[in-house]
Amino acid sequence: MSSIRKVAAVKVARVSQHGTPAELAEARRELALANIEAAIERNLASSPPLTTDQKKRIAALLRTGGQL
């Protein structure tokens, strides 16, 4: 697990015990972001370069929240 993901996971654990619901929701969003970033980096590192059209498809997923 990357250090960013570890920090985010620790924050979720801490906030779940001592934070507000809004703080917990934000901490969970940050952990989700860290997990998504790690997955993207891992897949891009082990794949051939993406074409321009493929990059556009991924960007569209991000813009629409995964709903194409």
Protein backbone atom coordinates (compact mmCIF):
# COMPACT_ATOMS: atom_id res chain seq x y z
CA MET A 1 0.00 0.00 0.00
CA SER A 2 1.39 3.42 -0.92
CA SER A 3 2.06 5.95 1.79
CA ILE A 4 -0.75 8.17 0.49
CA ARG A 5 -3.20 5.27 0.73
CA LYS A 6 -1.94 4.40 4.23
CA VAL A 7 -2.37 7.97 5.43
CA ALA A 8 -5.88 8.10 3.96
CA ALA A 9 -6.83 4.76 5.57
CA VAL A 10 -5.52 5.88 8.96
CA LYS A 11 -7.48 9.12 8.64
CA VAL A 12 -10.69 7.19 7.94
CA ALA A 13 -10.10 5.05 11.03
CA ARG A 14 -9.35 8.07 13.21
CA VAL A 15 -12.24 10.18 11.94
CA SER A 16 -14.68 7.27 12.22
CA GLN A 17 -14.06 7.27 15.97
CA HIS A 18 -13.68 10.98 16.69
CA GLY A 19 -15.04 12.96 13.76
CA THR A 20 -18.30 14.22 12.40
CA PRO A 21 -20.27 12.44 9.68
CA ALA A 22 -19.17 15.12 7.20
CA GLU A 23 -15.51 14.62 8.13
CA LEU A 24 -15.90 10.86 7.75
CA ALA A 25 -17.48 11.26 4.32
CA GLU A 26 -14.58 13.47 3.23
CA ALA A 27 -12.01 11.04 4.61
CA ARG A 28 -13.68 8.18 2.74
CA ARG A 29 -13.64 10.23 -0.49
CA GLU A 30 -9.92 10.85 -0.03
CA LEU A 31 -9.30 7.13 0.53
CA ALA A 32 -11.33 6.27 -2.58
CA LEU A 33 -9.29 8.80 -4.57
CA ALA A 34 -6.02 7.31 -3.31
CA ASN A 35 -7.21 3.81 -4.26
CA ILE A 36 -8.31 4.94 -7.72
CA GLU A 37 -5.02 6.74 -8.32
CA ALA A 38 -3.04 3.67 -7.27
CA ALA A 39 -5.08 1.41 -9.55
CA ILE A 40 -4.63 3.74 -12.52
CA GLU A 41 -0.89 4.07 -11.92
CA ARG A 42 -0.50 0.30 -11.53
CA ASN A 43 -2.40 -0.43 -14.74
CA LEU A 44 -0.69 2.24 -16.80
CA ALA A 45 2.72 1.03 -15.67
CA SER A 46 2.02 -2.49 -16.89
CA SER A 47 0.20 -1.66 -20.13
CA PRO A 48 1.24 -0.39 -23.53
CA PRO A 49 0.74 3.36 -24.05
CA LEU A 50 -2.87 4.41 -24.53
CA THR A 51 -4.09 5.94 -27.75
CA THR A 52 -5.61 9.39 -27.81
CA ASP A 53 -9.09 7.88 -28.14
CA GLN A 54 -8.51 5.59 -25.17
CA LYS A 55 -7.34 8.54 -23.06
CA LYS A 56 -10.49 10.42 -24.06
CA ARG A 57 -12.66 7.45 -22.96
CA ILE A 58 -10.97 7.39 -19.55
CA ALA A 59 -11.31 11.15 -19.20
CA ALA A 60 -15.02 10.85 -20.04
CA LEU A 61 -15.43 8.27 -17.26
CA LEU A 62 -13.86 10.68 -14.80
CA ARG A 63 -16.02 13.60 -15.96
CA THR A 64 -19.24 11.59 -15.66
CA GLY A 65 -18.43 9.70 -12.49
CA GLY A 66 -18.19 6.36 -14.29
CA GLN A 67 -21.45 6.71 -16.19
CA LEU A 68 -20.96 6.65 -19.96
